[in-house]
Amino acid sequence: MTDALEVVSRLAEVLGDRVDVSFDARRTARADKSGHAAAGLPLAVVHAETVEDVQATLRVAGATRTPVVTRGAGTGLAGAACAGEGEIALSLRRMDRILEVRADDLLAVVEPGILNADLDAALAEHGLWWAPDPASRAISTVGGNIATGAGGLLCAKYGVVRDAVLAVDVVLADGRVVRLGHRTVKGVTGLDLTSLMIGSEGTLGVIVGATLKLRRRVPGEVCTIAATFPRVRAAAAASAAVTASGVQPAIMELMDAASLAAVHAHLGLDAPPAGASQLTIQTDGVAAADDADAIARILSANGGTVAVTADPAEGEQLLTVRRSMHPAMEKLGTTLIEDVSVPRSALPAMFDEIARIEGEYGLVIPTVAHAGDGNLHPNFVFDTVADDAGVVRVPPRVWEAADALFRAALDLGGTLTGEHGVGTLKSRWLADELGDDQWEIQRRITRVFDPDGILNPGKVFLR
């Protein structure tokens, strides 16, 4: 590897003041919202403004064998975008333009740095929307959503990021630009490299543009249902009953007792009854009222105390409770925010497993779930312990509990991550789910795109 000063000098020569070596910028780039931080500081942060800036960065990195970690807003929850010692942090946040909106073709072409919520606001003027709706939509970028394969609150009905991307423009490790995918709804020419890029977490290339599949705004009213249950298992069983009924809500979110109490405290709301869990459900479209009535009957039959509203302001207030989960957890201590998915019918059993693990390891694990698709977010809260370099260390007991939780999800037919990605935090468990043969095949694929191993090394696959 070339001397660090020479790498920075080469970057500055071609990129000028877009190369940031300030302490604050480098310190920010070593961490994300997961609570994880890389050891040491990156050499520099490159604030790319154009595709050419990205190409220039990767050409310098390739020539000097310097690792590159691509970042958006730094809101990831798996430690995938943390840049450490000897690495270049490549920020795409300034690449935030909407390049094209075609209402007739239901597509938009955007740069990766645009925030999800900002895109949605701009598309609303055309009567359109991009369906992926992560809880972090106000602060997360579209490029980050694509790189992690994000999901969100609406994906049970409207799909995840993988269902809403037609094409991506990618800068490869050697600086070449390739366009993967199509502008057409159908397109099966060659292998589906677009889907391969989605969720690749910066290990295959740098996404510098995306052609997005849009939807027209849903006509009709939106109804919101709030149902409280005396125990979380009852709430999970009720959500599974809704799924089994065939009624399709747009949103179905579950908060267990610990998470609900924490959010109420964070927002200054009255404390919920002890042990109470809550389902928050929305229906939309022309049948929203009828669907809401049908769901309310199912929830009541399963022991829920149910309230239904068609008032948009009340509905948004109820969803604010769910969207406030992460800041509420931050007030409790350092949080390892995890992400597993199970078949929707297995949600009650998974909450049983979480309760078992809490008892076995002496922990409280506040958990929320996208109950409409079986995606759970257990939160391991612990007192912050940092080493001499300022890197937060997760206590061994917490990792042991997380290991037990991951294996419980796999035993129930689930997966290690539904939307956060693997990043740094889950790489040690990847082969357990994939099996040795598939793990090796996937690792080899990364080498095809990145033969020198400079793209986000040490993330996803331990290389």
Protein backbone atom coordinates (compact mmCIF):
# COMPACT_ATOMS: atom_id res chain seq x y z
CA MET A 1 0.00 0.00 0.00
CA THR A 2 1.23 3.50 -0.88
CA ASP A 3 2.17 5.93 1.89
CA ALA A 4 -0.86 7.68 3.37
CA LEU A 5 0.41 11.18 2.64
CA GLU A 6 0.95 10.28 -1.00
CA VAL A 7 -2.58 8.86 -1.30
CA VAL A 8 -4.08 12.05 0.11
CA SER A 9 -1.83 14.15 -2.13
CA ARG A 10 -2.98 12.24 -5.22
CA LEU A 11 -6.62 12.65 -4.23
CA ALA A 12 -6.20 16.38 -3.63
CA GLU A 13 -4.44 16.77 -6.97
CA VAL A 14 -7.48 15.56 -8.90
CA LEU A 15 -10.31 16.49 -6.52
CA GLY A 16 -9.15 19.68 -4.83
CA ASP A 17 -11.20 20.89 -1.88
CA ARG A 18 -13.57 17.93 -2.15
CA VAL A 19 -10.92 16.04 -0.19
CA ASP A 20 -11.52 16.65 3.52
CA VAL A 21 -8.82 15.68 6.02
CA SER A 22 -10.32 17.51 9.00
CA PHE A 23 -10.51 15.59 12.25
CA ASP A 24 -14.27 16.07 12.63
CA ALA A 25 -15.05 14.76 9.14
CA ARG A 26 -12.84 11.72 9.56
CA ARG A 27 -14.21 10.99 13.04
CA THR A 28 -17.79 11.13 11.73
CA ALA A 29 -16.93 8.78 8.86
CA ARG A 30 -15.70 6.04 11.17
CA ALA A 31 -19.15 5.37 12.65
CA ASP A 32 -22.77 4.87 11.69
CA LYS A 33 -26.09 4.58 13.54
CA SER A 34 -25.35 0.99 14.57
CA GLY A 35 -23.19 2.22 17.44
CA HIS A 36 -20.19 0.54 15.83
CA ALA A 37 -17.09 2.55 14.96
CA ALA A 38 -14.06 1.44 12.99
CA ALA A 39 -10.64 1.37 14.63
CA GLY A 40 -8.66 4.49 13.81
CA LEU A 41 -9.56 7.31 11.44
CA PRO A 42 -9.76 7.17 7.63
CA LEU A 43 -7.10 8.92 5.59
CA ALA A 44 -9.61 11.40 4.18
CA VAL A 45 -13.25 11.93 3.34
CA VAL A 46 -13.96 12.57 -0.34
CA HIS A 47 -17.17 14.56 -0.81
CA ALA A 48 -18.00 13.47 -4.34
CA GLU A 49 -20.23 15.81 -6.34
CA THR A 50 -20.18 14.07 -9.72
CA VAL A 51 -19.73 10.64 -11.24
CA GLU A 52 -16.31 11.82 -12.40
CA ASP A 53 -15.34 12.50 -8.79
CA VAL A 54 -16.19 8.92 -7.89
CA GLN A 55 -14.22 7.61 -10.85
CA ALA A 56 -11.19 9.70 -9.92
CA THR A 57 -11.33 8.46 -6.33
CA LEU A 58 -11.44 4.82 -7.36
CA ARG A 59 -8.64 5.25 -9.86
CA VAL A 60 -6.39 6.68 -7.17
CA ALA A 61 -7.50 3.95 -4.78
CA GLY A 62 -6.84 1.25 -7.35
CA ALA A 63 -3.41 2.58 -8.27
CA THR A 64 -2.37 2.78 -4.62
CA ARG A 65 -4.25 -0.33 -3.37
CA THR A 66 -6.10 1.83 -0.84
CA PRO A 67 -9.44 0.56 0.54
CA VAL A 68 -12.56 2.63 -0.13
CA VAL A 69 -15.65 2.72 2.07
CA THR A 70 -18.69 4.32 0.43
CA ARG A 71 -21.09 6.33 2.60
CA GLY A 72 -24.37 8.16 2.27
CA ALA A 73 -25.94 9.73 5.34
CA GLY A 74 -24.30 7.30 7.76
CA THR A 75 -27.64 5.99 9.03
CA GLY A 76 -26.85 2.30 8.48
CA LEU A 77 -27.39 -0.15 11.32
CA ALA A 78 -24.91 -2.89 10.45
CA GLY A 79 -21.57 -1.08 10.51
CA ALA A 80 -21.18 -1.40 6.73
CA ALA A 81 -20.18 2.22 6.07
CA CYS A 82 -17.64 2.76 8.84
CA ALA A 83 -14.26 3.82 7.43
CA GLY A 84 -11.17 3.15 9.50
CA GLU A 85 -7.41 3.46 9.51
CA GLY A 86 -5.78 3.45 6.08
CA GLU A 87 -9.09 3.77 4.22
CA ILE A 88 -10.73 6.43 2.06
CA ALA A 89 -14.28 7.40 3.05
CA LEU A 90 -16.18 8.18 -0.16
CA SER A 91 -19.25 10.27 0.66
CA LEU A 92 -22.02 10.51 -1.94
CA ARG A 93 -24.26 12.76 0.13
CA ARG A 94 -23.71 15.78 -2.13
CA MET A 95 -24.90 13.83 -5.18
CA ASP A 96 -28.55 14.50 -4.42
CA ARG A 97 -30.22 15.58 -7.66
CA ILE A 98 -33.37 14.26 -9.27
CA LEU A 99 -32.29 13.93 -12.89
CA GLU A 100 -35.56 12.90 -14.46
CA VAL A 101 -39.19 12.16 -13.59
CA ARG A 102 -41.35 10.40 -16.16
CA ALA A 103 -44.94 10.22 -14.94
CA ASP A 104 -46.00 8.49 -18.15
CA ASP A 105 -43.47 5.68 -17.63
CA LEU A 106 -43.72 5.70 -13.82
CA LEU A 107 -39.97 6.12 -13.33
CA ALA A 108 -37.47 8.57 -11.93
CA VAL A 109 -33.72 8.81 -12.33
CA VAL A 110 -31.92 10.07 -9.24
CA GLU A 111 -28.47 10.46 -7.74
CA PRO A 112 -27.70 8.34 -4.68
CA GLY A 113 -27.37 11.11 -2.08
CA ILE A 114 -30.98 12.31 -2.14
CA LEU A 115 -32.90 11.64 1.07
CA ASN A 116 -35.80 9.24 0.78
CA ALA A 117 -38.28 11.74 2.27
CA ASP A 118 -37.05 14.57 0.01
CA LEU A 119 -37.59 12.39 -3.03
CA ASP A 120 -41.08 11.54 -1.83
CA ALA A 121 -41.94 15.22 -1.36
CA ALA A 122 -40.75 16.04 -4.89
CA LEU A 123 -42.64 13.12 -6.43
CA ALA A 124 -45.85 14.15 -4.66
CA GLU A 125 -46.04 17.15 -7.00
CA HIS A 126 -46.45 14.65 -9.85
CA GLY A 127 -48.96 12.47 -8.00
CA LEU A 128 -46.29 9.77 -7.64
CA TRP A 129 -44.30 8.06 -4.90
CA TRP A 130 -41.43 5.64 -4.40
CA ALA A 131 -42.79 2.90 -2.17
CA PRO A 132 -39.84 1.89 0.09
CA ASP A 133 -40.52 3.49 3.47
CA PRO A 134 -37.81 2.81 6.07
CA ALA A 135 -38.43 4.27 9.49
CA SER A 136 -35.32 6.40 8.84
CA ARG A 137 -36.75 7.84 5.61
CA ALA A 138 -36.29 11.44 6.80
CA ILE A 139 -32.53 10.95 7.22
CA SER A 140 -31.50 8.02 5.00
CA THR A 141 -30.45 8.30 1.37
CA VAL A 142 -31.87 6.44 -1.60
CA GLY A 143 -28.38 5.18 -2.44
CA GLY A 144 -28.02 3.83 1.08
CA ASN A 145 -31.46 2.25 0.85
CA ILE A 146 -30.35 0.46 -2.31
CA ALA A 147 -26.93 -0.55 -1.00
CA THR A 148 -28.46 -2.17 2.08
CA GLY A 149 -31.60 -3.56 0.42
CA ALA A 150 -33.77 -1.55 2.82
CA GLY A 151 -37.39 -2.27 3.61
CA GLY A 152 -39.63 -0.34 5.96
CA LEU A 153 -43.14 0.06 7.19
CA LEU A 154 -44.99 -0.23 3.88
CA CYS A 155 -43.14 -3.14 2.33
CA ALA A 156 -45.64 -5.85 3.32
CA LYS A 157 -48.04 -4.41 0.73
CA TYR A 158 -45.84 -2.42 -1.61
CA GLY A 159 -42.53 -4.25 -1.60
CA VAL A 160 -38.96 -3.53 -0.57
CA VAL A 161 -36.21 -1.64 -2.40
CA ARG A 162 -35.45 -4.67 -4.57
CA ASP A 163 -38.98 -4.43 -5.97
CA ALA A 164 -38.67 -0.72 -6.79
CA VAL A 165 -35.38 -0.36 -8.71
CA LEU A 166 -35.24 -0.78 -12.48
CA ALA A 167 -31.57 0.09 -13.09
CA VAL A 168 -28.42 1.32 -11.40
CA ASP A 169 -25.34 3.15 -12.66
CA VAL A 170 -22.25 1.77 -10.99
CA VAL A 171 -18.60 2.80 -10.88
CA LEU A 172 -16.48 -0.34 -10.69
CA ALA A 173 -13.34 -0.70 -8.64
CA ASP A 174 -11.15 0.25 -11.62
CA GLY A 175 -13.13 3.44 -12.33
CA ARG A 176 -15.24 2.20 -15.23
CA VAL A 177 -18.96 3.10 -15.29
CA VAL A 178 -21.54 0.46 -16.17
CA ARG A 179 -25.31 0.74 -16.42
CA LEU A 180 -27.12 -2.30 -15.10
CA GLY A 181 -30.80 -2.97 -15.70
CA HIS A 182 -33.44 -1.35 -17.89
CA ARG A 183 -35.86 1.55 -18.15
CA THR A 184 -38.53 -0.94 -19.12
CA VAL A 185 -40.80 -2.78 -16.69
CA LYS A 186 -39.77 -6.07 -18.25
CA GLY A 187 -36.20 -6.94 -19.16
CA VAL A 188 -34.47 -10.32 -18.94
CA THR A 189 -31.42 -9.79 -21.14
CA GLY A 190 -28.48 -11.54 -19.51
CA LEU A 191 -28.01 -12.10 -15.80
CA ASP A 192 -29.82 -9.84 -13.34
CA LEU A 193 -26.85 -7.83 -12.10
CA THR A 194 -29.12 -5.04 -10.87
CA SER A 195 -30.57 -7.31 -8.21
CA LEU A 196 -27.07 -8.49 -7.37
CA MET A 197 -26.00 -4.89 -6.73
CA ILE A 198 -29.00 -4.19 -4.45
CA GLY A 199 -27.96 -5.09 -0.93
CA SER A 200 -24.29 -5.51 -1.86
CA GLU A 201 -23.22 -2.97 0.80
CA GLY A 202 -20.47 -1.32 -1.21
CA THR A 203 -18.57 -4.54 -1.92
CA LEU A 204 -19.21 -4.75 -5.68
CA GLY A 205 -19.11 -1.14 -6.85
CA VAL A 206 -20.27 2.38 -6.08
CA ILE A 207 -23.87 3.15 -7.04
CA VAL A 208 -23.88 6.63 -8.58
CA GLY A 209 -27.37 6.67 -10.12
CA ALA A 210 -30.63 4.77 -9.96
CA THR A 211 -33.67 4.41 -12.17
CA LEU A 212 -36.58 3.90 -9.80
CA LYS A 213 -39.92 2.22 -10.34
CA LEU A 214 -42.66 4.56 -9.14
CA ARG A 215 -46.31 4.19 -8.18
CA ARG A 216 -49.21 6.55 -8.51
CA ARG A 217 -50.50 7.97 -5.25
CA VAL A 218 -53.08 5.65 -3.73
CA PRO A 219 -56.59 7.10 -4.05
CA GLY A 220 -59.08 7.07 -1.19
CA GLU A 221 -58.72 7.53 2.54
CA VAL A 222 -56.26 6.04 5.00
CA CYS A 223 -57.53 4.39 8.17
CA THR A 224 -55.33 3.79 11.19
CA ILE A 225 -55.96 1.14 13.83
CA ALA A 226 -54.31 1.04 17.24
CA ALA A 227 -54.77 -2.10 19.30
CA THR A 228 -53.25 -2.81 22.70
CA PHE A 229 -52.75 -6.28 24.13
CA PRO A 230 -51.85 -7.39 27.65
CA ARG A 231 -48.84 -9.38 26.39
CA VAL A 232 -46.63 -9.29 23.31
CA ARG A 233 -47.38 -12.88 22.34
CA ALA A 234 -51.07 -12.02 22.05
CA ALA A 235 -50.23 -9.07 19.79
CA ALA A 236 -48.01 -11.28 17.62
CA ALA A 237 -50.74 -13.94 17.37
CA ALA A 238 -53.25 -11.25 16.38
CA SER A 239 -50.95 -9.95 13.64
CA ALA A 240 -50.54 -13.48 12.30
CA ALA A 241 -54.32 -13.84 12.30
CA VAL A 242 -54.65 -10.67 10.22
CA THR A 243 -52.17 -12.05 7.70
CA ALA A 244 -53.97 -15.39 7.56
CA SER A 245 -57.32 -13.65 6.96
CA GLY A 246 -56.28 -12.38 3.54
CA VAL A 247 -56.91 -8.72 4.35
CA GLN A 248 -53.86 -6.74 3.25
CA PRO A 249 -52.93 -3.74 5.42
CA ALA A 250 -50.45 -1.19 4.10
CA ILE A 251 -48.68 -1.03 7.47
CA MET A 252 -48.73 -3.41 10.44
CA GLU A 253 -46.24 -2.55 13.17
CA LEU A 254 -45.82 -4.25 16.55
CA MET A 255 -44.17 -2.76 19.63
CA ASP A 256 -43.50 -4.90 22.69
CA ALA A 257 -43.94 -3.61 26.24
CA ALA A 258 -40.37 -2.39 26.74
CA SER A 259 -40.20 -0.51 23.44
CA LEU A 260 -43.67 1.01 23.85
CA ALA A 261 -42.85 2.25 27.36
CA ALA A 262 -39.53 3.72 26.20
CA VAL A 263 -41.13 5.62 23.32
CA HIS A 264 -43.93 6.97 25.51
CA ALA A 265 -41.31 8.27 27.95
CA HIS A 266 -39.27 9.77 25.10
CA LEU A 267 -42.30 11.59 23.66
CA GLY A 268 -43.65 12.67 27.04
CA LEU A 269 -46.82 10.57 26.70
CA ASP A 270 -48.68 8.88 29.54
CA ALA A 271 -47.12 5.54 30.42
CA PRO A 272 -48.91 2.56 28.86
CA PRO A 273 -50.31 -0.18 31.13
CA ALA A 274 -47.60 -2.47 32.50
CA GLY A 275 -46.80 -5.25 30.05
CA ALA A 276 -48.94 -3.76 27.28
CA SER A 277 -47.92 -4.21 23.65
CA GLN A 278 -49.36 -2.39 20.68
CA LEU A 279 -50.19 -3.06 17.05
CA THR A 280 -50.44 -0.02 14.77
CA ILE A 281 -52.05 -0.82 11.44
CA GLN A 282 -52.98 1.28 8.43
CA THR A 283 -55.23 0.43 5.50
CA ASP A 284 -55.41 2.46 2.31
CA GLY A 285 -57.16 2.62 -1.05
CA VAL A 286 -60.83 2.59 -1.93
CA ALA A 287 -61.52 -0.32 0.45
CA ALA A 288 -59.62 1.20 3.39
CA ALA A 289 -62.66 1.57 5.68
CA ASP A 290 -63.98 -1.93 5.01
CA ASP A 291 -60.51 -3.43 5.48
CA ALA A 292 -60.06 -1.51 8.73
CA ASP A 293 -63.37 -2.80 10.07
CA ALA A 294 -62.43 -6.38 9.17
CA ILE A 295 -59.03 -6.06 10.84
CA ALA A 296 -60.55 -4.46 13.94
CA ARG A 297 -62.86 -7.44 14.33
CA ILE A 298 -59.92 -9.86 14.08
CA LEU A 299 -57.90 -7.92 16.64
CA SER A 300 -60.83 -7.75 19.06
CA ALA A 301 -61.43 -11.48 18.69
CA ASN A 302 -57.77 -12.01 19.63
CA GLY A 303 -58.01 -10.00 22.85
CA GLY A 304 -57.06 -6.54 21.63
CA THR A 305 -58.47 -3.21 22.80
CA VAL A 306 -59.04 -1.52 19.47
CA ALA A 307 -59.48 2.06 18.24
CA VAL A 308 -59.93 3.07 14.59
CA THR A 309 -59.54 6.51 13.05
CA ALA A 310 -59.73 7.96 9.55
CA ASP A 311 -58.29 11.28 10.70
CA PRO A 312 -54.89 11.82 8.98
CA ALA A 313 -53.44 13.81 11.88
CA GLU A 314 -54.37 11.15 14.43
CA GLY A 315 -52.98 8.45 12.17
CA GLU A 316 -49.69 10.28 11.80
CA GLN A 317 -49.45 10.73 15.57
CA LEU A 318 -49.83 6.99 16.04
CA LEU A 319 -47.12 6.28 13.46
CA THR A 320 -44.85 8.85 15.12
CA VAL A 321 -44.81 6.57 18.15
CA ARG A 322 -43.41 3.77 16.00
CA ARG A 323 -40.96 5.98 14.12
CA SER A 324 -39.56 7.30 17.41
CA MET A 325 -38.19 3.92 18.45
CA HIS A 326 -34.53 4.59 17.65
CA PRO A 327 -34.18 7.95 19.44
CA ALA A 328 -36.02 6.43 22.42
CA MET A 329 -33.48 3.60 22.55
CA GLU A 330 -30.58 6.05 22.41
CA LYS A 331 -31.77 7.54 25.70
CA LEU A 332 -31.52 4.14 27.40
CA GLY A 333 -27.83 3.62 26.64
CA THR A 334 -25.73 2.22 23.83
CA THR A 335 -27.92 0.07 21.61
CA LEU A 336 -27.14 -2.86 19.35
CA ILE A 337 -30.11 -2.59 16.98
CA GLU A 338 -30.63 -5.97 15.38
CA ASP A 339 -32.68 -7.26 12.49
CA VAL A 340 -34.01 -10.77 11.89
CA SER A 341 -36.96 -12.06 9.89
CA VAL A 342 -39.12 -15.13 10.35
CA PRO A 343 -42.18 -16.47 8.52
CA ARG A 344 -45.14 -14.37 9.66
CA SER A 345 -46.86 -17.35 11.23
CA ALA A 346 -43.76 -17.83 13.40
CA LEU A 347 -43.89 -14.36 14.99
CA PRO A 348 -45.45 -15.59 18.25
CA ALA A 349 -42.81 -18.32 18.54
CA MET A 350 -40.03 -15.79 17.90
CA PHE A 351 -41.28 -13.54 20.67
CA ASP A 352 -41.30 -16.61 22.92
CA GLU A 353 -37.65 -17.13 22.02
CA ILE A 354 -36.81 -13.51 22.79
CA ALA A 355 -38.44 -13.86 26.21
CA ARG A 356 -36.45 -17.04 26.82
CA ILE A 357 -33.18 -15.32 25.87
CA GLU A 358 -33.97 -12.32 28.08
CA GLY A 359 -34.39 -14.64 31.04
CA GLU A 360 -31.35 -16.77 30.24
CA TYR A 361 -28.97 -13.81 29.84
CA GLY A 362 -30.54 -11.39 32.31
CA LEU A 363 -31.30 -8.76 29.67
CA VAL A 364 -34.24 -6.66 28.58
CA ILE A 365 -34.47 -6.70 24.77
CA PRO A 366 -36.99 -4.08 23.58
CA THR A 367 -38.32 -5.31 20.25
CA VAL A 368 -40.37 -3.81 17.45
CA ALA A 369 -41.51 -5.69 14.39
CA HIS A 370 -42.77 -5.03 10.91
CA ALA A 371 -45.43 -7.60 11.71
CA GLY A 372 -46.82 -7.47 8.19
CA ASP A 373 -43.74 -9.25 6.86
CA GLY A 374 -42.22 -10.95 9.91
CA ASN A 375 -39.23 -8.62 10.29
CA LEU A 376 -38.19 -8.03 13.93
CA HIS A 377 -35.81 -5.46 15.39
CA PRO A 378 -34.57 -6.60 18.82
CA ASN A 379 -32.59 -3.91 20.65
CA PHE A 380 -29.78 -4.92 22.98
CA VAL A 381 -29.21 -1.99 25.35
CA PHE A 382 -26.01 -1.83 27.39
CA ASP A 383 -23.74 0.61 29.20
CA THR A 384 -21.16 2.10 26.88
CA VAL A 385 -17.68 0.58 27.11
CA ALA A 386 -15.01 2.00 24.81
CA ASP A 387 -11.39 1.07 24.29
CA ASP A 388 -8.43 3.47 24.21
CA ALA A 389 -9.19 4.34 20.59
CA GLY A 390 -12.77 5.27 21.44
CA VAL A 391 -14.26 2.20 19.76
CA VAL A 392 -17.42 1.02 21.50
CA ARG A 393 -17.20 -2.61 22.53
CA VAL A 394 -20.31 -4.76 22.82
CA PRO A 395 -20.07 -6.82 26.03
CA PRO A 396 -19.55 -10.57 25.48
CA ARG A 397 -22.82 -11.38 27.24
CA VAL A 398 -24.73 -9.25 24.73
CA TRP A 399 -23.06 -10.99 21.77
CA GLU A 400 -23.85 -14.36 23.34
CA ALA A 401 -27.51 -13.36 23.65
CA ALA A 402 -27.50 -12.05 20.07
CA ASP A 403 -25.99 -15.32 18.89
CA ALA A 404 -28.79 -17.24 20.59
CA LEU A 405 -31.38 -14.93 19.04
CA PHE A 406 -29.95 -15.27 15.53
CA ARG A 407 -29.89 -19.05 15.78
CA ALA A 408 -33.47 -19.08 17.08
CA ALA A 409 -34.57 -17.10 14.01
CA LEU A 410 -32.77 -19.51 11.67
CA ASP A 411 -34.31 -22.51 13.45
CA LEU A 412 -37.76 -21.01 12.82
CA GLY A 413 -37.07 -20.84 9.09
CA GLY A 414 -35.96 -17.21 9.19
CA THR A 415 -33.00 -15.13 8.11
CA LEU A 416 -30.27 -13.09 9.83
CA THR A 417 -31.29 -9.79 8.28
CA GLY A 418 -34.41 -8.55 6.56
CA GLU A 419 -33.27 -5.02 5.70
CA HIS A 420 -30.25 -3.72 7.65
CA GLY A 421 -27.67 -5.84 5.86
CA VAL A 422 -24.70 -7.83 7.13
CA GLY A 423 -21.99 -5.17 7.32
CA THR A 424 -19.49 -5.64 10.10
CA LEU A 425 -21.82 -6.77 12.85
CA LYS A 426 -23.20 -9.97 11.29
CA SER A 427 -20.41 -11.19 9.05
CA ARG A 428 -19.38 -13.90 11.51
CA TRP A 429 -22.82 -15.56 11.18
CA LEU A 430 -23.19 -15.29 7.40
CA ALA A 431 -21.89 -18.77 6.59
CA ASP A 432 -24.25 -20.27 9.18
CA GLU A 433 -27.20 -19.20 7.06
CA LEU A 434 -25.72 -19.54 3.59
CA GLY A 435 -23.78 -22.74 4.09
CA ASP A 436 -20.13 -23.11 3.09
CA ASP A 437 -20.72 -23.66 -0.64
CA GLN A 438 -22.96 -20.64 -1.17
CA TRP A 439 -20.75 -18.47 1.04
CA GLU A 440 -17.75 -19.36 -1.14
CA ILE A 441 -19.65 -18.70 -4.38
CA GLN A 442 -20.73 -15.28 -3.15
CA ARG A 443 -17.22 -14.43 -1.96
CA ARG A 444 -15.86 -15.32 -5.40
CA ILE A 445 -18.41 -13.05 -7.05
CA THR A 446 -17.05 -10.11 -5.07
CA ARG A 447 -13.60 -10.88 -6.48
CA VAL A 448 -14.92 -10.68 -10.04
CA PHE A 449 -16.07 -7.11 -9.42
CA ASP A 450 -13.18 -6.18 -7.14
CA PRO A 451 -10.12 -8.37 -7.80
CA ASP A 452 -7.81 -6.31 -5.58
CA GLY A 453 -10.22 -6.27 -2.64
CA ILE A 454 -10.33 -2.49 -2.19
CA LEU A 455 -14.12 -2.07 -1.94
CA ASN A 456 -15.29 -2.11 1.66
CA PRO A 457 -12.91 -4.88 2.75
CA GLY A 458 -13.76 -6.71 5.94
CA LYS A 459 -17.49 -6.06 5.54
CA VAL A 460 -20.07 -8.79 4.79
CA PHE A 461 -17.44 -11.39 3.82
CA LEU A 462 -14.41 -11.62 6.08
CA ARG A 463 -11.72 -11.42 3.42
